[in-house]
Amino acid sequence: MKRKVLFLMAATLMMTAAAYSQVSFGLRAGVNFQNLNGEDEAGDKLKNDLAIGFHIGANAEIPIAQDFYIQPGLLFSTKGATNVYEVDDLKASISYIELPIHFLYKPQLGSGKLIVGFGPYVGYGIGGKFKLDDEEEDIKFKNDVKESDEEAIYLRPLDAGADIFFGYEFAFKVSVQLNAQLGLLNLVPKYEGEKSDEIVKNTGFGFSVGYRF
């Protein structure tokens, strides 16, 4: 009995080591085309325009079955919008640290691999600005704004949503990818504990290039 237990433990350790030996790491960077969508306090849809940002970071690919992987990552990403609230040249730029956890399907296709993925992400705002001509105002992050707080532009720091993407990984480990992202959390904070009627969410798409080691 002891020998069977020891054999099972050894087999489990060997399989775990083999799985982890197949974990790969990569870098990814690209351009974001982002917007802030939602509704104003009157219930009318926001008519902001796309802003150009970027993302850069690293990820790991953990095999879970043949051609299937879990891909956790860590990214720095800039988002926002232009012509905010239909004010010409008013630009919002927001910086986030993001933690995506994607599920990948990567079958062999030609000499490389097809990439199809989706999954959730969580982001945390670390900085941002509203800019009009030469004037700038910093964005501050808070979940509940008090009357005693300084007068400023406030957003909630936490963002979360879903990613979907597809691309191709060449035999020489370079990949190209098209991404789409839908934010699901309202970025507008409460005021004195009262929920705002305004809704603002991050949405966008992008293009990126990656390399696996």
C-alpha atoms as a PDB file:
ATOM      1  CA  MET A   1       0.000   0.000   0.000  1.00  0.00           C
ATOM      2  CA  LYS A   2       2.780   2.395   0.931  1.00  0.00           C
ATOM      3  CA  ARG A   3       4.541   1.602  -2.344  1.00  0.00           C
ATOM      4  CA  LYS A   4       1.360   2.437  -4.309  1.00  0.00           C
ATOM      5  CA  VAL A   5       0.982   5.752  -2.465  1.00  0.00           C
ATOM      6  CA  LEU A   6       4.642   6.613  -3.062  1.00  0.00           C
ATOM      7  CA  PHE A   7       4.299   5.652  -6.727  1.00  0.00           C
ATOM      8  CA  LEU A   8       1.215   7.862  -7.156  1.00  0.00           C
ATOM      9  CA  MET A   9       2.947  10.780  -5.416  1.00  0.00           C
ATOM     10  CA  ALA A  10       6.012  10.365  -7.626  1.00  0.00           C
ATOM     11  CA  ALA A  11       3.866  10.154 -10.771  1.00  0.00           C
ATOM     12  CA  THR A  12       1.951  13.272  -9.763  1.00  0.00           C
ATOM     13  CA  LEU A  13       5.165  15.183  -9.129  1.00  0.00           C
ATOM     14  CA  MET A  14       6.576  14.062 -12.478  1.00  0.00           C
ATOM     15  CA  MET A  15       3.440  15.122 -14.363  1.00  0.00           C
ATOM     16  CA  THR A  16       3.388  18.475 -12.542  1.00  0.00           C
ATOM     17  CA  ALA A  17       7.041  19.072 -13.356  1.00  0.00           C
ATOM     18  CA  ALA A  18       6.435  18.121 -16.982  1.00  0.00           C
ATOM     19  CA  ALA A  19       3.507  20.535 -17.212  1.00  0.00           C
ATOM     20  CA  TYR A  20       5.464  23.397 -15.680  1.00  0.00           C
ATOM     21  CA  SER A  21       8.416  22.665 -17.939  1.00  0.00           C
ATOM     22  CA  GLN A  22       6.089  23.513 -20.849  1.00  0.00           C
ATOM     23  CA  VAL A  23       5.090  26.898 -19.413  1.00  0.00           C
ATOM     24  CA  SER A  24       6.298  29.659 -21.701  1.00  0.00           C
ATOM     25  CA  PHE A  25       6.711  33.370 -21.077  1.00  0.00           C
ATOM     26  CA  GLY A  26       6.252  36.252 -23.464  1.00  0.00           C
ATOM     27  CA  LEU A  27       6.215  39.981 -23.999  1.00  0.00           C
ATOM     28  CA  ARG A  28       3.466  41.933 -25.742  1.00  0.00           C
ATOM     29  CA  ALA A  29       3.045  45.559 -26.792  1.00  0.00           C
ATOM     30  CA  GLY A  30       0.656  47.409 -29.046  1.00  0.00           C
ATOM     31  CA  VAL A  31      -1.684  50.286 -29.742  1.00  0.00           C
ATOM     32  CA  ASN A  32      -5.093  50.908 -28.157  1.00  0.00           C
ATOM     33  CA  PHE A  33      -8.073  52.638 -29.777  1.00  0.00           C
ATOM     34  CA  GLN A  34     -10.202  53.431 -26.744  1.00  0.00           C
ATOM     35  CA  ASN A  35     -13.372  55.284 -25.855  1.00  0.00           C
ATOM     36  CA  LEU A  36     -15.460  56.166 -22.812  1.00  0.00           C
ATOM     37  CA  ASN A  37     -19.001  55.032 -23.548  1.00  0.00           C
ATOM     38  CA  GLY A  38     -22.162  55.267 -21.505  1.00  0.00           C
ATOM     39  CA  GLU A  39     -24.878  57.758 -20.630  1.00  0.00           C
ATOM     40  CA  ASP A  40     -25.017  61.225 -19.110  1.00  0.00           C
ATOM     41  CA  GLU A  41     -27.228  62.071 -16.136  1.00  0.00           C
ATOM     42  CA  ALA A  42     -30.159  62.747 -18.479  1.00  0.00           C
ATOM     43  CA  GLY A  43     -29.895  59.256 -19.964  1.00  0.00           C
ATOM     44  CA  ASP A  44     -28.504  60.391 -23.328  1.00  0.00           C
ATOM     45  CA  LYS A  45     -25.684  58.379 -24.853  1.00  0.00           C
ATOM     46  CA  LEU A  46     -22.201  59.831 -24.602  1.00  0.00           C
ATOM     47  CA  LYS A  47     -20.783  60.949 -27.949  1.00  0.00           C
ATOM     48  CA  ASN A  48     -17.064  60.841 -27.271  1.00  0.00           C
ATOM     49  CA  ASP A  49     -14.502  59.940 -29.922  1.00  0.00           C
ATOM     50  CA  LEU A  50     -11.694  57.381 -29.916  1.00  0.00           C
ATOM     51  CA  ALA A  51      -8.365  58.124 -28.271  1.00  0.00           C
ATOM     52  CA  ILE A  52      -5.103  56.435 -29.205  1.00  0.00           C
ATOM     53  CA  GLY A  53      -3.135  54.819 -26.377  1.00  0.00           C
ATOM     54  CA  PHE A  54      -0.839  51.857 -25.909  1.00  0.00           C
ATOM     55  CA  HIS A  55      -0.259  48.748 -23.806  1.00  0.00           C
ATOM     56  CA  ILE A  56       2.876  46.855 -22.853  1.00  0.00           C
ATOM     57  CA  GLY A  57       3.502  43.918 -20.558  1.00  0.00           C
ATOM     58  CA  ALA A  58       4.304  40.257 -20.039  1.00  0.00           C
ATOM     59  CA  ASN A  59       2.367  37.001 -19.796  1.00  0.00           C
ATOM     60  CA  ALA A  60       2.719  33.284 -19.217  1.00  0.00           C
ATOM     61  CA  GLU A  61       1.079  30.406 -21.076  1.00  0.00           C
ATOM     62  CA  ILE A  62       0.211  27.374 -18.966  1.00  0.00           C
ATOM     63  CA  PRO A  63      -0.887  24.264 -20.900  1.00  0.00           C
ATOM     64  CA  ILE A  64      -4.056  22.601 -19.607  1.00  0.00           C
ATOM     65  CA  ALA A  65      -4.830  20.279 -22.548  1.00  0.00           C
ATOM     66  CA  GLN A  66      -3.639  19.753 -26.089  1.00  0.00           C
ATOM     67  CA  ASP A  67      -3.765  23.155 -27.863  1.00  0.00           C
ATOM     68  CA  PHE A  68      -5.452  24.787 -24.829  1.00  0.00           C
ATOM     69  CA  TYR A  69      -3.766  27.194 -22.401  1.00  0.00           C
ATOM     70  CA  ILE A  70      -4.424  29.588 -19.520  1.00  0.00           C
ATOM     71  CA  GLN A  71      -2.625  32.897 -20.036  1.00  0.00           C
ATOM     72  CA  PRO A  72      -2.291  35.217 -17.018  1.00  0.00           C
ATOM     73  CA  GLY A  73      -0.570  38.530 -17.664  1.00  0.00           C
ATOM     74  CA  LEU A  74       0.378  41.921 -16.311  1.00  0.00           C
ATOM     75  CA  LEU A  75       0.017  45.048 -18.459  1.00  0.00           C
ATOM     76  CA  PHE A  76       0.419  48.794 -18.334  1.00  0.00           C
ATOM     77  CA  SER A  77      -2.349  50.256 -20.513  1.00  0.00           C
ATOM     78  CA  THR A  78      -3.520  53.765 -21.407  1.00  0.00           C
ATOM     79  CA  LYS A  79      -7.168  54.446 -22.228  1.00  0.00           C
ATOM     80  CA  GLY A  80      -9.515  57.410 -22.548  1.00  0.00           C
ATOM     81  CA  ALA A  81     -11.419  59.398 -25.167  1.00  0.00           C
ATOM     82  CA  THR A  82     -11.277  62.584 -27.230  1.00  0.00           C
ATOM     83  CA  ASN A  83     -13.837  65.350 -27.740  1.00  0.00           C
ATOM     84  CA  VAL A  84     -15.208  64.347 -24.340  1.00  0.00           C
ATOM     85  CA  TYR A  85     -18.791  65.491 -23.720  1.00  0.00           C
ATOM     86  CA  GLU A  86     -18.682  66.864 -27.289  1.00  0.00           C
ATOM     87  CA  VAL A  87     -16.138  69.519 -26.276  1.00  0.00           C
ATOM     88  CA  ASP A  88     -13.718  69.913 -29.185  1.00  0.00           C
ATOM     89  CA  ASP A  89     -10.168  68.782 -28.395  1.00  0.00           C
ATOM     90  CA  LEU A  90     -10.991  67.855 -24.778  1.00  0.00           C
ATOM     91  CA  LYS A  91      -9.031  64.661 -24.215  1.00  0.00           C
ATOM     92  CA  ALA A  92      -9.161  62.192 -21.338  1.00  0.00           C
ATOM     93  CA  SER A  93      -6.153  59.939 -20.782  1.00  0.00           C
ATOM     94  CA  ILE A  94      -6.228  57.259 -18.060  1.00  0.00           C
ATOM     95  CA  SER A  95      -3.408  54.882 -17.107  1.00  0.00           C
ATOM     96  CA  TYR A  96      -4.116  51.413 -15.715  1.00  0.00           C
ATOM     97  CA  ILE A  97      -2.256  48.413 -14.387  1.00  0.00           C
ATOM     98  CA  GLU A  98      -4.187  45.421 -15.729  1.00  0.00           C
ATOM     99  CA  LEU A  99      -4.284  41.757 -14.800  1.00  0.00           C
ATOM    100  CA  PRO A 100      -5.908  39.686 -17.571  1.00  0.00           C
ATOM    101  CA  ILE A 101      -6.547  35.945 -17.287  1.00  0.00           C
ATOM    102  CA  HIS A 102      -7.189  34.531 -20.733  1.00  0.00           C
ATOM    103  CA  PHE A 103      -8.181  31.125 -22.073  1.00  0.00           C
ATOM    104  CA  LEU A 104      -6.374  30.283 -25.315  1.00  0.00           C
ATOM    105  CA  TYR A 105      -6.897  27.858 -28.141  1.00  0.00           C
ATOM    106  CA  LYS A 106      -3.686  27.539 -30.218  1.00  0.00           C
ATOM    107  CA  PRO A 107      -3.901  24.793 -32.840  1.00  0.00           C
ATOM    108  CA  GLN A 108      -1.180  24.254 -35.422  1.00  0.00           C
ATOM    109  CA  LEU A 109      -1.863  26.168 -38.638  1.00  0.00           C
ATOM    110  CA  GLY A 110       0.777  25.959 -41.328  1.00  0.00           C
ATOM    111  CA  SER A 111       4.225  26.459 -39.841  1.00  0.00           C
ATOM    112  CA  GLY A 112       2.817  28.470 -36.921  1.00  0.00           C
ATOM    113  CA  LYS A 113      -0.211  28.524 -34.654  1.00  0.00           C
ATOM    114  CA  LEU A 114      -3.632  30.147 -34.765  1.00  0.00           C
ATOM    115  CA  ILE A 115      -4.469  32.174 -31.636  1.00  0.00           C
ATOM    116  CA  VAL A 116      -8.051  32.456 -30.367  1.00  0.00           C
ATOM    117  CA  GLY A 117      -8.617  33.728 -26.833  1.00  0.00           C
ATOM    118  CA  PHE A 118     -11.013  35.315 -24.393  1.00  0.00           C
ATOM    119  CA  GLY A 119     -11.273  36.010 -20.700  1.00  0.00           C
ATOM    120  CA  PRO A 120     -11.713  38.568 -17.942  1.00  0.00           C
ATOM    121  CA  TYR A 121      -9.426  41.377 -16.915  1.00  0.00           C
ATOM    122  CA  VAL A 122      -9.133  43.550 -13.822  1.00  0.00           C
ATOM    123  CA  GLY A 123      -7.524  46.982 -13.987  1.00  0.00           C
ATOM    124  CA  TYR A 124      -6.562  49.599 -11.424  1.00  0.00           C
ATOM    125  CA  GLY A 125      -6.223  53.286 -12.283  1.00  0.00           C
ATOM    126  CA  ILE A 126      -2.875  54.808 -11.346  1.00  0.00           C
ATOM    127  CA  GLY A 127      -3.031  58.173 -13.092  1.00  0.00           C
ATOM    128  CA  GLY A 128      -4.685  60.286 -15.717  1.00  0.00           C
ATOM    129  CA  LYS A 129      -5.421  63.744 -17.074  1.00  0.00           C
ATOM    130  CA  PHE A 130      -8.056  65.791 -18.809  1.00  0.00           C
ATOM    131  CA  LYS A 131      -6.388  68.066 -21.328  1.00  0.00           C
ATOM    132  CA  LEU A 132      -7.749  70.984 -23.357  1.00  0.00           C
ATOM    133  CA  ASP A 133      -5.242  72.968 -25.424  1.00  0.00           C
ATOM    134  CA  ASP A 134      -2.442  73.857 -22.984  1.00  0.00           C
ATOM    135  CA  GLU A 135      -4.513  73.309 -19.838  1.00  0.00           C
ATOM    136  CA  GLU A 136      -4.380  70.053 -17.882  1.00  0.00           C
ATOM    137  CA  GLU A 137      -6.184  68.714 -14.833  1.00  0.00           C
ATOM    138  CA  ASP A 138      -5.203  65.529 -13.045  1.00  0.00           C
ATOM    139  CA  ILE A 139      -7.727  62.747 -12.572  1.00  0.00           C
ATOM    140  CA  LYS A 140      -8.063  61.570  -8.971  1.00  0.00           C
ATOM    141  CA  PHE A 141      -9.355  58.128  -8.008  1.00  0.00           C
ATOM    142  CA  LYS A 142     -11.976  57.577  -5.350  1.00  0.00           C
ATOM    143  CA  ASN A 143     -15.036  55.357  -4.906  1.00  0.00           C
ATOM    144  CA  ASP A 144     -17.077  57.872  -2.916  1.00  0.00           C
ATOM    145  CA  VAL A 145     -16.518  61.606  -3.232  1.00  0.00           C
ATOM    146  CA  LYS A 146     -17.315  63.752  -0.182  1.00  0.00           C
ATOM    147  CA  GLU A 147     -18.364  67.377  -0.167  1.00  0.00           C
ATOM    148  CA  SER A 148     -15.236  68.113   1.866  1.00  0.00           C
ATOM    149  CA  ASP A 149     -12.962  66.678  -0.841  1.00  0.00           C
ATOM    150  CA  GLU A 150     -10.990  69.071  -3.004  1.00  0.00           C
ATOM    151  CA  GLU A 151     -12.586  70.120  -6.251  1.00  0.00           C
ATOM    152  CA  ALA A 152     -11.226  67.797  -8.940  1.00  0.00           C
ATOM    153  CA  ILE A 153     -12.146  65.258 -11.590  1.00  0.00           C
ATOM    154  CA  TYR A 154     -12.763  61.907  -9.904  1.00  0.00           C
ATOM    155  CA  LEU A 155     -13.088  58.377 -11.259  1.00  0.00           C
ATOM    156  CA  ARG A 156     -13.337  55.007  -9.560  1.00  0.00           C
ATOM    157  CA  PRO A 157      -9.942  53.274  -9.592  1.00  0.00           C
ATOM    158  CA  LEU A 158     -11.216  49.753 -10.263  1.00  0.00           C
ATOM    159  CA  ASP A 159     -12.073  48.628 -13.778  1.00  0.00           C
ATOM    160  CA  ALA A 160     -13.002  45.138 -14.950  1.00  0.00           C
ATOM    161  CA  GLY A 161     -14.383  43.572 -18.073  1.00  0.00           C
ATOM    162  CA  ALA A 162     -13.815  41.049 -20.825  1.00  0.00           C
ATOM    163  CA  ASP A 163     -11.274  40.600 -23.614  1.00  0.00           C
ATOM    164  CA  ILE A 164     -11.579  38.707 -26.881  1.00  0.00           C
ATOM    165  CA  PHE A 165      -8.816  38.371 -29.458  1.00  0.00           C
ATOM    166  CA  PHE A 166      -7.426  36.377 -32.332  1.00  0.00           C
ATOM    167  CA  GLY A 167      -4.127  36.286 -34.131  1.00  0.00           C
ATOM    168  CA  TYR A 168      -1.277  34.172 -35.412  1.00  0.00           C
ATOM    169  CA  GLU A 169       2.015  33.005 -33.907  1.00  0.00           C
ATOM    170  CA  PHE A 170       4.761  32.429 -36.446  1.00  0.00           C
ATOM    171  CA  ALA A 171       7.277  29.597 -36.215  1.00  0.00           C
ATOM    172  CA  PHE A 172       9.942  32.096 -35.118  1.00  0.00           C
ATOM    173  CA  LYS A 173       7.871  32.911 -31.959  1.00  0.00           C
ATOM    174  CA  VAL A 174       6.662  36.361 -33.060  1.00  0.00           C
ATOM    175  CA  SER A 175       2.882  36.826 -33.005  1.00  0.00           C
ATOM    176  CA  VAL A 176       0.396  39.433 -34.203  1.00  0.00           C
ATOM    177  CA  GLN A 177      -2.971  39.888 -32.571  1.00  0.00           C
ATOM    178  CA  LEU A 178      -6.216  41.873 -32.832  1.00  0.00           C
ATOM    179  CA  ASN A 179      -7.867  42.622 -29.483  1.00  0.00           C
ATOM    180  CA  ALA A 180     -11.270  43.881 -28.382  1.00  0.00           C
ATOM    181  CA  GLN A 181     -12.138  44.923 -24.834  1.00  0.00           C
ATOM    182  CA  LEU A 182     -15.424  45.671 -23.107  1.00  0.00           C
ATOM    183  CA  GLY A 183     -15.418  47.349 -19.714  1.00  0.00           C
ATOM    184  CA  LEU A 184     -18.259  46.278 -17.437  1.00  0.00           C
ATOM    185  CA  LEU A 185     -17.836  48.580 -14.424  1.00  0.00           C
ATOM    186  CA  ASN A 186     -19.098  52.149 -14.129  1.00  0.00           C
ATOM    187  CA  LEU A 187     -16.152  54.480 -13.550  1.00  0.00           C
ATOM    188  CA  VAL A 188     -18.273  57.273 -12.056  1.00  0.00           C
ATOM    189  CA  PRO A 189     -17.907  57.377  -8.248  1.00  0.00           C
ATOM    190  CA  LYS A 190     -20.687  57.901  -5.752  1.00  0.00           C
ATOM    191  CA  TYR A 191     -21.198  61.370  -4.306  1.00  0.00           C
ATOM    192  CA  GLU A 192     -21.853  61.438  -0.553  1.00  0.00           C
ATOM    193  CA  GLY A 193     -22.886  57.792  -0.798  1.00  0.00           C
ATOM    194  CA  GLU A 194     -25.404  58.417  -3.570  1.00  0.00           C
ATOM    195  CA  LYS A 195     -25.081  56.538  -6.850  1.00  0.00           C
ATOM    196  CA  SER A 196     -24.737  58.763  -9.908  1.00  0.00           C
ATOM    197  CA  ASP A 197     -27.112  58.495 -12.856  1.00  0.00           C
ATOM    198  CA  GLU A 198     -24.133  58.973 -15.174  1.00  0.00           C
ATOM    199  CA  ILE A 199     -22.515  55.840 -16.621  1.00  0.00           C
ATOM    200  CA  VAL A 200     -18.985  55.784 -18.048  1.00  0.00           C
ATOM    201  CA  LYS A 201     -17.240  52.577 -19.148  1.00  0.00           C
ATOM    202  CA  ASN A 202     -14.022  51.755 -20.972  1.00  0.00           C
ATOM    203  CA  THR A 203     -14.391  50.105 -24.374  1.00  0.00           C
ATOM    204  CA  GLY A 204     -11.982  49.676 -27.241  1.00  0.00           C
ATOM    205  CA  PHE A 205      -9.925  47.558 -29.555  1.00  0.00           C
ATOM    206  CA  GLY A 206      -6.291  47.316 -30.512  1.00  0.00           C
ATOM    207  CA  PHE A 207      -3.425  45.675 -32.326  1.00  0.00           C
ATOM    208  CA  SER A 208      -0.381  44.124 -30.699  1.00  0.00           C
ATOM    209  CA  VAL A 209       2.833  42.264 -31.420  1.00  0.00           C
ATOM    210  CA  GLY A 210       4.288  39.652 -29.071  1.00  0.00           C
ATOM    211  CA  TYR A 211       7.280  37.394 -28.630  1.00  0.00           C
ATOM    212  CA  ARG A 212       7.508  34.072 -26.766  1.00  0.00           C
ATOM    213  CA  PHE A 213      10.733  32.932 -25.137  1.00  0.00           C
END
